[in-house]
């Protein structure tokens, strides 16, 4: 960071619930209340204004597995009308901050 003069651009804040199925090493996370802030100077005191990245009630579910997703977990995931997509908290955080500081 020092060699190339990299500096933080945005604070990404979220709540995470994580679960691990140890036998097959399936990892499931729910990221909720994802928000972004440009008030970097207040990061350590956690006193900064933030902007929601997703509409209220929308969360990110991530399912990671090594070889095979067990059928009982696949059935649970498929039983809900979920949208599969790529999602970067950093990208969308930067995008929402750009809207507010322009």
N, C-alpha and C. Protein backbone atom coordinates (compact mmCIF):
# COMPACT_ATOMS: atom_id res chain seq x y z
N UNK A 1 0.82 -1.19 0.00
CA UNK A 1 0.00 0.00 0.00
C UNK A 1 0.86 1.25 0.00
N UNK A 2 1.96 1.20 0.76
CA UNK A 2 2.82 2.37 0.83
C UNK A 2 3.60 2.58 -0.47
N UNK A 3 4.06 1.49 -1.09
CA UNK A 3 4.86 1.60 -2.31
C UNK A 3 4.08 2.25 -3.45
N UNK A 4 2.81 1.90 -3.57
CA UNK A 4 2.02 2.39 -4.69
C UNK A 4 1.04 3.48 -4.29
N UNK A 5 1.14 3.94 -3.04
CA UNK A 5 0.30 5.02 -2.52
C UNK A 5 -1.19 4.70 -2.62
N UNK A 6 -1.55 3.43 -2.34
CA UNK A 6 -2.96 3.04 -2.33
C UNK A 6 -3.64 3.64 -1.11
N UNK A 7 -4.87 4.07 -1.30
CA UNK A 7 -5.64 4.65 -0.21
C UNK A 7 -7.06 4.08 -0.25
N UNK A 8 -7.68 3.93 0.91
CA UNK A 8 -9.07 3.47 0.93
C UNK A 8 -9.98 4.44 0.19
N UNK A 9 -11.01 3.89 -0.43
CA UNK A 9 -11.95 4.72 -1.18
C UNK A 9 -13.35 4.70 -0.58
N UNK A 10 -13.69 3.61 0.11
CA UNK A 10 -15.05 3.46 0.61
C UNK A 10 -15.05 2.49 1.80
N UNK A 11 -15.95 2.72 2.73
CA UNK A 11 -16.18 1.79 3.83
C UNK A 11 -17.38 0.93 3.44
N UNK A 12 -17.22 -0.37 3.49
CA UNK A 12 -18.32 -1.29 3.25
C UNK A 12 -18.65 -1.94 4.60
N UNK A 13 -19.89 -1.83 5.01
CA UNK A 13 -20.31 -2.34 6.30
C UNK A 13 -21.48 -3.29 6.08
N UNK A 14 -21.50 -4.40 6.82
CA UNK A 14 -22.61 -5.35 6.69
C UNK A 14 -22.63 -6.28 7.88
N UNK A 15 -23.77 -6.92 8.07
CA UNK A 15 -23.91 -7.95 9.09
C UNK A 15 -23.87 -9.30 8.39
N UNK A 16 -23.19 -10.27 8.99
CA UNK A 16 -23.05 -11.59 8.37
C UNK A 16 -23.43 -12.69 9.35
N UNK A 17 -24.23 -13.62 8.85
CA UNK A 17 -24.49 -14.87 9.55
C UNK A 17 -23.83 -15.95 8.72
N UNK A 18 -22.99 -16.76 9.35
CA UNK A 18 -22.24 -17.78 8.61
C UNK A 18 -22.48 -19.15 9.22
N UNK A 19 -22.58 -20.13 8.34
CA UNK A 19 -22.78 -21.51 8.75
C UNK A 19 -21.81 -22.40 7.98
N UNK A 20 -21.33 -23.44 8.64
CA UNK A 20 -20.43 -24.39 8.00
C UNK A 20 -20.94 -25.80 8.28
N UNK A 21 -21.05 -26.60 7.24
CA UNK A 21 -21.37 -28.01 7.37
C UNK A 21 -20.03 -28.72 7.24
N UNK A 22 -19.49 -29.17 8.35
CA UNK A 22 -18.09 -29.59 8.40
C UNK A 22 -17.79 -30.87 7.63
N UNK A 23 -18.73 -31.80 7.54
CA UNK A 23 -18.45 -33.07 6.88
C UNK A 23 -18.13 -32.86 5.40
N UNK A 24 -18.94 -32.06 4.72
CA UNK A 24 -18.71 -31.82 3.28
C UNK A 24 -18.11 -30.45 3.00
N UNK A 25 -17.85 -29.67 4.04
CA UNK A 25 -17.25 -28.35 3.92
C UNK A 25 -18.10 -27.40 3.07
N UNK A 26 -19.40 -27.41 3.30
CA UNK A 26 -20.30 -26.44 2.67
C UNK A 26 -20.33 -25.21 3.56
N UNK A 27 -20.12 -24.02 2.95
CA UNK A 27 -20.16 -22.76 3.69
C UNK A 27 -21.30 -21.92 3.16
N UNK A 28 -22.16 -21.48 4.06
CA UNK A 28 -23.31 -20.66 3.68
C UNK A 28 -23.24 -19.36 4.49
N UNK A 29 -23.34 -18.24 3.79
CA UNK A 29 -23.35 -16.95 4.48
C UNK A 29 -24.53 -16.12 4.01
N UNK A 30 -25.07 -15.35 4.93
CA UNK A 30 -26.09 -14.35 4.64
C UNK A 30 -25.48 -13.01 4.98
N UNK A 31 -25.36 -12.13 4.00
CA UNK A 31 -24.88 -10.77 4.24
C UNK A 31 -26.09 -9.85 4.20
N UNK A 32 -26.30 -9.10 5.29
CA UNK A 32 -27.48 -8.27 5.45
C UNK A 32 -27.07 -6.84 5.78
N UNK A 33 -27.97 -5.92 5.55
CA UNK A 33 -27.77 -4.51 5.88
C UNK A 33 -26.44 -4.01 5.30
N UNK A 34 -26.24 -4.26 4.02
CA UNK A 34 -25.00 -3.84 3.35
C UNK A 34 -25.08 -2.34 3.09
N UNK A 35 -24.07 -1.62 3.55
CA UNK A 35 -24.06 -0.18 3.36
C UNK A 35 -22.65 0.28 3.01
N UNK A 36 -22.58 1.51 2.51
CA UNK A 36 -21.30 2.09 2.09
C UNK A 36 -21.21 3.53 2.60
N UNK A 37 -19.98 3.95 2.87
CA UNK A 37 -19.74 5.31 3.33
C UNK A 37 -18.45 5.84 2.70
N UNK A 38 -18.41 7.14 2.50
CA UNK A 38 -17.20 7.78 2.00
C UNK A 38 -16.49 8.56 3.11
N UNK A 39 -17.00 8.53 4.33
CA UNK A 39 -16.40 9.27 5.44
C UNK A 39 -15.28 8.44 6.08
N UNK A 40 -14.20 8.28 5.34
CA UNK A 40 -13.10 7.40 5.74
C UNK A 40 -12.42 7.85 7.03
N UNK A 41 -12.40 9.13 7.28
CA UNK A 41 -11.71 9.64 8.46
C UNK A 41 -12.41 9.21 9.76
N UNK A 42 -13.65 8.78 9.68
CA UNK A 42 -14.40 8.36 10.87
C UNK A 42 -14.49 6.85 11.01
N UNK A 43 -13.72 6.13 10.23
CA UNK A 43 -13.81 4.67 10.23
C UNK A 43 -13.54 4.05 11.60
N UNK A 44 -12.48 4.44 12.25
CA UNK A 44 -12.10 3.82 13.52
C UNK A 44 -13.04 4.15 14.67
N UNK A 45 -13.69 5.30 14.60
CA UNK A 45 -14.65 5.63 15.67
C UNK A 45 -16.06 5.18 15.31
N UNK A 46 -16.22 4.61 14.14
CA UNK A 46 -17.49 4.08 13.65
C UNK A 46 -18.62 5.09 13.76
N UNK A 47 -18.30 6.32 13.42
CA UNK A 47 -19.30 7.39 13.43
C UNK A 47 -19.33 8.01 12.04
N UNK A 48 -20.02 7.35 11.12
CA UNK A 48 -20.07 7.84 9.75
C UNK A 48 -21.45 7.60 9.14
N UNK A 49 -21.80 8.49 8.24
CA UNK A 49 -23.06 8.33 7.52
C UNK A 49 -22.87 7.27 6.45
N UNK A 50 -23.83 6.37 6.33
CA UNK A 50 -23.72 5.34 5.31
C UNK A 50 -24.99 5.27 4.49
N UNK A 51 -24.86 4.68 3.32
CA UNK A 51 -25.96 4.57 2.38
C UNK A 51 -26.18 3.10 2.05
N UNK A 52 -27.43 2.69 2.07
CA UNK A 52 -27.77 1.30 1.82
C UNK A 52 -27.43 0.94 0.38
N UNK A 53 -26.80 -0.21 0.20
CA UNK A 53 -26.41 -0.69 -1.12
C UNK A 53 -27.56 -1.43 -1.80
N UNK A 54 -28.37 -2.13 -1.02
CA UNK A 54 -29.51 -2.88 -1.55
C UNK A 54 -30.81 -2.33 -0.99
N UNK A 55 -31.90 -2.51 -1.73
CA UNK A 55 -33.20 -2.12 -1.18
C UNK A 55 -33.50 -2.89 0.11
N UNK A 56 -34.29 -2.28 0.97
CA UNK A 56 -34.65 -2.90 2.24
C UNK A 56 -35.24 -4.29 2.03
N UNK A 57 -34.78 -5.24 2.82
CA UNK A 57 -35.29 -6.59 2.74
C UNK A 57 -34.52 -7.51 1.81
N UNK A 58 -33.65 -6.96 0.96
CA UNK A 58 -32.83 -7.79 0.09
C UNK A 58 -31.50 -8.08 0.77
N UNK A 59 -31.08 -9.33 0.71
CA UNK A 59 -29.83 -9.76 1.32
C UNK A 59 -29.05 -10.60 0.32
N UNK A 60 -27.82 -10.90 0.64
CA UNK A 60 -26.98 -11.73 -0.22
C UNK A 60 -26.78 -13.07 0.47
N UNK A 61 -27.14 -14.14 -0.24
CA UNK A 61 -26.91 -15.51 0.21
C UNK A 61 -25.79 -16.06 -0.64
N UNK A 62 -24.76 -16.59 0.01
CA UNK A 62 -23.65 -17.19 -0.72
C UNK A 62 -23.48 -18.62 -0.25
N UNK A 63 -23.42 -19.54 -1.20
CA UNK A 63 -23.23 -20.95 -0.90
C UNK A 63 -21.94 -21.39 -1.57
N UNK A 64 -20.98 -21.85 -0.78
CA UNK A 64 -19.70 -22.34 -1.32
C UNK A 64 -19.54 -23.80 -0.93
N UNK A 65 -19.01 -24.57 -1.87
CA UNK A 65 -18.78 -25.99 -1.59
C UNK A 65 -17.59 -26.46 -2.40
N UNK A 66 -16.98 -27.56 -1.98
CA UNK A 66 -15.77 -28.04 -2.64
C UNK A 66 -16.06 -28.87 -3.88
N UNK A 67 -16.70 -29.99 -3.72
CA UNK A 67 -16.90 -30.89 -4.85
C UNK A 67 -18.37 -30.99 -5.25
N UNK A 68 -19.19 -31.43 -4.33
CA UNK A 68 -20.60 -31.66 -4.63
C UNK A 68 -21.44 -30.96 -3.57
N UNK A 69 -22.46 -30.25 -4.03
CA UNK A 69 -23.40 -29.64 -3.11
C UNK A 69 -24.39 -30.73 -2.67
N UNK A 70 -24.44 -31.03 -1.38
CA UNK A 70 -25.34 -32.09 -0.91
C UNK A 70 -26.79 -31.80 -1.31
N UNK A 71 -27.52 -32.85 -1.66
CA UNK A 71 -28.88 -32.69 -2.19
C UNK A 71 -29.81 -32.02 -1.19
N UNK A 72 -29.64 -32.28 0.11
CA UNK A 72 -30.54 -31.65 1.08
C UNK A 72 -30.36 -30.13 1.12
N UNK A 73 -29.15 -29.67 0.90
CA UNK A 73 -28.91 -28.22 0.85
C UNK A 73 -29.39 -27.67 -0.50
N UNK A 74 -29.10 -28.36 -1.59
CA UNK A 74 -29.56 -27.94 -2.91
C UNK A 74 -31.09 -27.81 -2.93
N UNK A 75 -31.79 -28.78 -2.34
CA UNK A 75 -33.25 -28.73 -2.31
C UNK A 75 -33.78 -27.52 -1.55
N UNK A 76 -33.14 -27.19 -0.45
CA UNK A 76 -33.56 -26.01 0.32
C UNK A 76 -33.36 -24.75 -0.51
N UNK A 77 -32.19 -24.62 -1.13
CA UNK A 77 -31.89 -23.41 -1.92
C UNK A 77 -32.84 -23.31 -3.11
N UNK A 78 -33.12 -24.43 -3.77
CA UNK A 78 -33.98 -24.42 -4.96
C UNK A 78 -35.45 -24.23 -4.61
N UNK A 79 -35.84 -24.44 -3.37
CA UNK A 79 -37.25 -24.31 -3.00
C UNK A 79 -37.69 -22.84 -2.88
N UNK A 80 -36.75 -21.92 -2.90
CA UNK A 80 -37.06 -20.48 -2.84
C UNK A 80 -36.79 -19.88 -4.21
N UNK A 81 -37.49 -18.82 -4.52
CA UNK A 81 -37.25 -18.16 -5.81
C UNK A 81 -36.10 -17.17 -5.65
N UNK A 82 -34.90 -17.71 -5.74
CA UNK A 82 -33.69 -16.92 -5.59
C UNK A 82 -33.10 -16.61 -6.95
N UNK A 83 -32.44 -15.48 -7.05
CA UNK A 83 -31.77 -15.09 -8.29
C UNK A 83 -30.28 -15.35 -8.13
N UNK A 84 -29.73 -16.16 -9.03
CA UNK A 84 -28.30 -16.43 -8.99
C UNK A 84 -27.58 -15.35 -9.78
N UNK A 85 -26.58 -14.74 -9.17
CA UNK A 85 -25.84 -13.68 -9.85
C UNK A 85 -24.50 -13.47 -9.17
N UNK A 86 -23.67 -12.70 -9.83
CA UNK A 86 -22.41 -12.26 -9.21
C UNK A 86 -22.72 -10.97 -8.45
N UNK A 87 -22.08 -10.81 -7.30
CA UNK A 87 -22.35 -9.62 -6.51
C UNK A 87 -21.07 -9.23 -5.77
N UNK A 88 -20.65 -8.01 -5.97
CA UNK A 88 -19.48 -7.48 -5.28
C UNK A 88 -19.93 -6.34 -4.37
N UNK A 89 -19.79 -6.53 -3.06
CA UNK A 89 -20.17 -5.48 -2.12
C UNK A 89 -19.34 -4.22 -2.39
N UNK A 90 -18.07 -4.40 -2.71
CA UNK A 90 -17.21 -3.25 -2.99
C UNK A 90 -17.68 -2.49 -4.23
N UNK A 91 -17.94 -3.21 -5.31
CA UNK A 91 -18.38 -2.56 -6.56
C UNK A 91 -19.66 -1.77 -6.34
N UNK A 92 -20.66 -2.40 -5.75
CA UNK A 92 -21.94 -1.71 -5.55
C UNK A 92 -21.82 -0.61 -4.51
N UNK A 93 -20.94 -0.78 -3.54
CA UNK A 93 -20.69 0.30 -2.59
C UNK A 93 -20.09 1.51 -3.26
N UNK A 94 -19.09 1.28 -4.12
CA UNK A 94 -18.50 2.40 -4.86
C UNK A 94 -19.52 3.07 -5.77
N UNK A 95 -20.35 2.26 -6.38
CA UNK A 95 -21.38 2.78 -7.30
C UNK A 95 -22.37 3.68 -6.56
N UNK A 96 -22.83 3.25 -5.39
CA UNK A 96 -23.80 4.05 -4.64
C UNK A 96 -23.14 5.32 -4.10
N UNK A 97 -21.90 5.24 -3.68
CA UNK A 97 -21.19 6.44 -3.18
C UNK A 97 -20.99 7.43 -4.31
N UNK A 98 -20.66 6.96 -5.51
CA UNK A 98 -20.49 7.85 -6.65
C UNK A 98 -21.76 8.66 -6.92
N UNK A 99 -22.92 8.04 -6.69
CA UNK A 99 -24.19 8.74 -6.89
C UNK A 99 -24.37 9.89 -5.89
N UNK A 100 -23.86 9.71 -4.68
CA UNK A 100 -24.07 10.71 -3.63
C UNK A 100 -23.04 11.83 -3.64
N UNK A 101 -21.83 11.58 -4.13
CA UNK A 101 -20.83 12.65 -4.08
C UNK A 101 -20.69 13.39 -5.38
N UNK A 102 -21.50 13.06 -6.35
CA UNK A 102 -21.47 13.83 -7.60
C UNK A 102 -22.40 15.00 -7.54
